[in-house]
Amino acid sequence: MQFLFILAILVPAVWYYAALGKRISAEEKKAGKDLSDEINPFTGAR
């Protein structure tokens, strides 16, 4: 039962960071430069 609880916490967290990384990567490709100082870390958008 404890395993399911840990899984219920970890899966959405991993999914969130993977999706955020994918979005940031797409924004950087579109802009053609590194957006580290310009991007909102919570939404992945400028």
PDB file of N, CA and C in Angstrom:
ATOM      1  N   MET A   1       0.823  -1.198   0.000  1.00  0.00           N
ATOM      2  CA  MET A   1       0.000   0.000   0.000  1.00  0.00           C
ATOM      3  C   MET A   1       0.866   1.260   0.000  1.00  0.00           C
ATOM      4  N   GLN A   2       1.954   1.226   0.754  1.00  0.00           N
ATOM      5  CA  GLN A   2       2.851   2.376   0.816  1.00  0.00           C
ATOM      6  C   GLN A   2       3.496   2.616  -0.554  1.00  0.00           C
ATOM      7  N   PHE A   3       3.760   1.537  -1.276  1.00  0.00           N
ATOM      8  CA  PHE A   3       4.335   1.644  -2.612  1.00  0.00           C
ATOM      9  C   PHE A   3       3.412   2.428  -3.545  1.00  0.00           C
ATOM     10  N   LEU A   4       2.112   2.171  -3.460  1.00  0.00           N
ATOM     11  CA  LEU A   4       1.150   2.888  -4.305  1.00  0.00           C
ATOM     12  C   LEU A   4       1.101   4.371  -3.968  1.00  0.00           C
ATOM     13  N   PHE A   5       1.235   4.691  -2.693  1.00  0.00           N
ATOM     14  CA  PHE A   5       1.240   6.096  -2.273  1.00  0.00           C
ATOM     15  C   PHE A   5       2.455   6.817  -2.849  1.00  0.00           C
ATOM     16  N   ILE A   6       3.619   6.187  -2.742  1.00  0.00           N
ATOM     17  CA  ILE A   6       4.848   6.782  -3.279  1.00  0.00           C
ATOM     18  C   ILE A   6       4.737   6.930  -4.794  1.00  0.00           C
ATOM     19  N   LEU A   7       4.189   5.924  -5.444  1.00  0.00           N
ATOM     20  CA  LEU A   7       3.995   5.966  -6.888  1.00  0.00           C
ATOM     21  C   LEU A   7       3.040   7.089  -7.283  1.00  0.00           C
ATOM     22  N   ALA A   8       1.987   7.281  -6.490  1.00  0.00           N
ATOM     23  CA  ALA A   8       1.011   8.339  -6.772  1.00  0.00           C
ATOM     24  C   ALA A   8       1.622   9.727  -6.634  1.00  0.00           C
ATOM     25  N   ILE A   9       2.677   9.855  -5.869  1.00  0.00           N
ATOM     26  CA  ILE A   9       3.371  11.135  -5.717  1.00  0.00           C
ATOM     27  C   ILE A   9       4.431  11.310  -6.803  1.00  0.00           C
ATOM     28  N   LEU A  10       5.203  10.271  -7.067  1.00  0.00           N
ATOM     29  CA  LEU A  10       6.333  10.379  -7.991  1.00  0.00           C
ATOM     30  C   LEU A  10       5.933  10.481  -9.461  1.00  0.00           C
ATOM     31  N   VAL A  11       4.947   9.721  -9.882  1.00  0.00           N
ATOM     32  CA  VAL A  11       4.575   9.716 -11.302  1.00  0.00           C
ATOM     33  C   VAL A  11       4.138  11.105 -11.782  1.00  0.00           C
ATOM     34  N   PRO A  12       3.239  11.796 -11.095  1.00  0.00           N
ATOM     35  CA  PRO A  12       2.874  13.141 -11.565  1.00  0.00           C
ATOM     36  C   PRO A  12       4.039  14.135 -11.518  1.00  0.00           C
ATOM     37  N   ALA A  13       4.916  14.011 -10.530  1.00  0.00           N
ATOM     38  CA  ALA A  13       6.058  14.924 -10.431  1.00  0.00           C
ATOM     39  C   ALA A  13       7.006  14.721 -11.605  1.00  0.00           C
ATOM     40  N   VAL A  14       7.300  13.475 -11.938  1.00  0.00           N
ATOM     41  CA  VAL A  14       8.172  13.185 -13.078  1.00  0.00           C
ATOM     42  C   VAL A  14       7.512  13.655 -14.374  1.00  0.00           C
ATOM     43  N   TRP A  15       6.219  13.412 -14.501  1.00  0.00           N
ATOM     44  CA  TRP A  15       5.473  13.831 -15.693  1.00  0.00           C
ATOM     45  C   TRP A  15       5.529  15.353 -15.850  1.00  0.00           C
ATOM     46  N   TYR A  16       5.348  16.076 -14.763  1.00  0.00           N
ATOM     47  CA  TYR A  16       5.374  17.544 -14.778  1.00  0.00           C
ATOM     48  C   TYR A  16       6.724  18.074 -15.258  1.00  0.00           C
ATOM     49  N   TYR A  17       7.807  17.566 -14.678  1.00  0.00           N
ATOM     50  CA  TYR A  17       9.133  18.063 -15.057  1.00  0.00           C
ATOM     51  C   TYR A  17       9.511  17.661 -16.479  1.00  0.00           C
ATOM     52  N   ALA A  18       9.076  16.496 -16.921  1.00  0.00           N
ATOM     53  CA  ALA A  18       9.346  16.086 -18.303  1.00  0.00           C
ATOM     54  C   ALA A  18       8.597  16.987 -19.282  1.00  0.00           C
ATOM     55  N   ALA A  19       7.336  17.278 -18.986  1.00  0.00           N
ATOM     56  CA  ALA A  19       6.546  18.148 -19.857  1.00  0.00           C
ATOM     57  C   ALA A  19       7.098  19.566 -19.856  1.00  0.00           C
ATOM     58  N   LEU A  20       7.521  20.046 -18.704  1.00  0.00           N
ATOM     59  CA  LEU A  20       8.090  21.389 -18.606  1.00  0.00           C
ATOM     60  C   LEU A  20       9.393  21.478 -19.393  1.00  0.00           C
ATOM     61  N   GLY A  21      10.228  20.468 -19.275  1.00  0.00           N
ATOM     62  CA  GLY A  21      11.480  20.444 -20.030  1.00  0.00           C
ATOM     63  C   GLY A  21      11.244  20.404 -21.528  1.00  0.00           C
ATOM     64  N   LYS A  22      10.239  19.651 -21.938  1.00  0.00           N
ATOM     65  CA  LYS A  22       9.903  19.571 -23.361  1.00  0.00           C
ATOM     66  C   LYS A  22       9.420  20.922 -23.872  1.00  0.00           C
ATOM     67  N   ARG A  23       8.609  21.605 -23.085  1.00  0.00           N
ATOM     68  CA  ARG A  23       8.091  22.909 -23.501  1.00  0.00           C
ATOM     69  C   ARG A  23       9.207  23.952 -23.567  1.00  0.00           C
ATOM     70  N   ILE A  24      10.093  23.952 -22.585  1.00  0.00           N
ATOM     71  CA  ILE A  24      11.213  24.900 -22.579  1.00  0.00           C
ATOM     72  C   ILE A  24      12.116  24.639 -23.780  1.00  0.00           C
ATOM     73  N   SER A  25      12.362  23.378 -24.077  1.00  0.00           N
ATOM     74  CA  SER A  25      13.189  23.031 -25.231  1.00  0.00           C
ATOM     75  C   SER A  25      12.556  23.546 -26.522  1.00  0.00           C
ATOM     76  N   ALA A  26      11.252  23.398 -26.650  1.00  0.00           N
ATOM     77  CA  ALA A  26      10.556  23.888 -27.845  1.00  0.00           C
ATOM     78  C   ALA A  26      10.631  25.408 -27.940  1.00  0.00           C
ATOM     79  N   GLU A  27      10.470  26.095 -26.807  1.00  0.00           N
ATOM     80  CA  GLU A  27      10.562  27.564 -26.799  1.00  0.00           C
ATOM     81  C   GLU A  27      11.961  28.023 -27.212  1.00  0.00           C
ATOM     82  N   GLU A  28      12.989  27.326 -26.730  1.00  0.00           N
ATOM     83  CA  GLU A  28      14.362  27.701 -27.074  1.00  0.00           C
ATOM     84  C   GLU A  28      14.658  27.441 -28.549  1.00  0.00           C
ATOM     85  N   LYS A  29      14.126  26.342 -29.094  1.00  0.00           N
ATOM     86  CA  LYS A  29      14.321  26.074 -30.516  1.00  0.00           C
ATOM     87  C   LYS A  29      13.642  27.146 -31.357  1.00  0.00           C
ATOM     88  N   LYS A  30      12.433  27.539 -30.950  1.00  0.00           N
ATOM     89  CA  LYS A  30      11.691  28.560 -31.688  1.00  0.00           C
ATOM     90  C   LYS A  30      12.418  29.902 -31.645  1.00  0.00           C
ATOM     91  N   ALA A  31      12.979  30.243 -30.494  1.00  0.00           N
ATOM     92  CA  ALA A  31      13.684  31.514 -30.336  1.00  0.00           C
ATOM     93  C   ALA A  31      15.091  31.454 -30.923  1.00  0.00           C
ATOM     94  N   GLY A  32      15.650  30.266 -31.027  1.00  0.00           N
ATOM     95  CA  GLY A  32      16.990  30.109 -31.568  1.00  0.00           C
ATOM     96  C   GLY A  32      18.093  30.514 -30.615  1.00  0.00           C
ATOM     97  N   LYS A  33      17.777  30.551 -29.320  1.00  0.00           N
ATOM     98  CA  LYS A  33      18.799  30.910 -28.329  1.00  0.00           C
ATOM     99  C   LYS A  33      18.436  30.332 -26.967  1.00  0.00           C
ATOM    100  N   ASP A  34      19.366  30.443 -26.028  1.00  0.00           N
ATOM    101  CA  ASP A  34      19.152  29.980 -24.662  1.00  0.00           C
ATOM    102  C   ASP A  34      18.279  30.991 -23.926  1.00  0.00           C
ATOM    103  N   LEU A  35      17.204  30.542 -23.329  1.00  0.00           N
ATOM    104  CA  LEU A  35      16.266  31.436 -22.651  1.00  0.00           C
ATOM    105  C   LEU A  35      16.314  31.297 -21.131  1.00  0.00           C
ATOM    106  N   SER A  36      17.440  30.856 -20.595  1.00  0.00           N
ATOM    107  CA  SER A  36      17.549  30.595 -19.159  1.00  0.00           C
ATOM    108  C   SER A  36      17.168  31.793 -18.297  1.00  0.00           C
ATOM    109  N   ASP A  37      17.559  32.988 -18.700  1.00  0.00           N
ATOM    110  CA  ASP A  37      17.285  34.177 -17.890  1.00  0.00           C
ATOM    111  C   ASP A  37      15.951  34.828 -18.221  1.00  0.00           C
ATOM    112  N   GLU A  38      15.287  34.380 -19.272  1.00  0.00           N
ATOM    113  CA  GLU A  38      14.062  35.036 -19.723  1.00  0.00           C
ATOM    114  C   GLU A  38      12.795  34.228 -19.472  1.00  0.00           C
ATOM    115  N   ILE A  39      12.927  32.944 -19.184  1.00  0.00           N
ATOM    116  CA  ILE A  39      11.763  32.066 -19.160  1.00  0.00           C
ATOM    117  C   ILE A  39      11.177  31.938 -17.752  1.00  0.00           C
ATOM    118  N   ASN A  40       9.871  31.797 -17.674  1.00  0.00           N
ATOM    119  CA  ASN A  40       9.180  31.580 -16.406  1.00  0.00           C
ATOM    120  C   ASN A  40       9.323  30.101 -16.044  1.00  0.00           C
ATOM    121  N   PRO A  41       9.975  29.765 -14.933  1.00  0.00           N
ATOM    122  CA  PRO A  41      10.220  28.359 -14.602  1.00  0.00           C
ATOM    123  C   PRO A  41       8.964  27.575 -14.227  1.00  0.00           C
ATOM    124  N   PHE A  42       7.858  28.254 -13.957  1.00  0.00           N
ATOM    125  CA  PHE A  42       6.639  27.558 -13.560  1.00  0.00           C
ATOM    126  C   PHE A  42       5.780  27.170 -14.753  1.00  0.00           C
ATOM    127  N   THR A  43       5.848  27.944 -15.838  1.00  0.00           N
ATOM    128  CA  THR A  43       5.008  27.666 -16.997  1.00  0.00           C
ATOM    129  C   THR A  43       5.797  27.215 -18.203  1.00  0.00           C
ATOM    130  N   GLY A  44       7.087  27.522 -18.244  1.00  0.00           N
ATOM    131  CA  GLY A  44       7.893  27.167 -19.399  1.00  0.00           C
ATOM    132  C   GLY A  44       7.719  28.131 -20.550  1.00  0.00           C
ATOM    133  N   ALA A  45       7.075  29.263 -20.304  1.00  0.00           N
ATOM    134  CA  ALA A  45       6.859  30.269 -21.346  1.00  0.00           C
ATOM    135  C   ALA A  45       7.549  31.565 -20.955  1.00  0.00           C
ATOM    136  N   ARG A  46       7.696  32.434 -21.925  1.00  0.00           N
ATOM    137  CA  ARG A  46       8.327  33.729 -21.647  1.00  0.00           C
ATOM    138  C   ARG A  46       7.416  34.640 -20.889  1.00  0.00           C
TER     139      ARG A  46
END
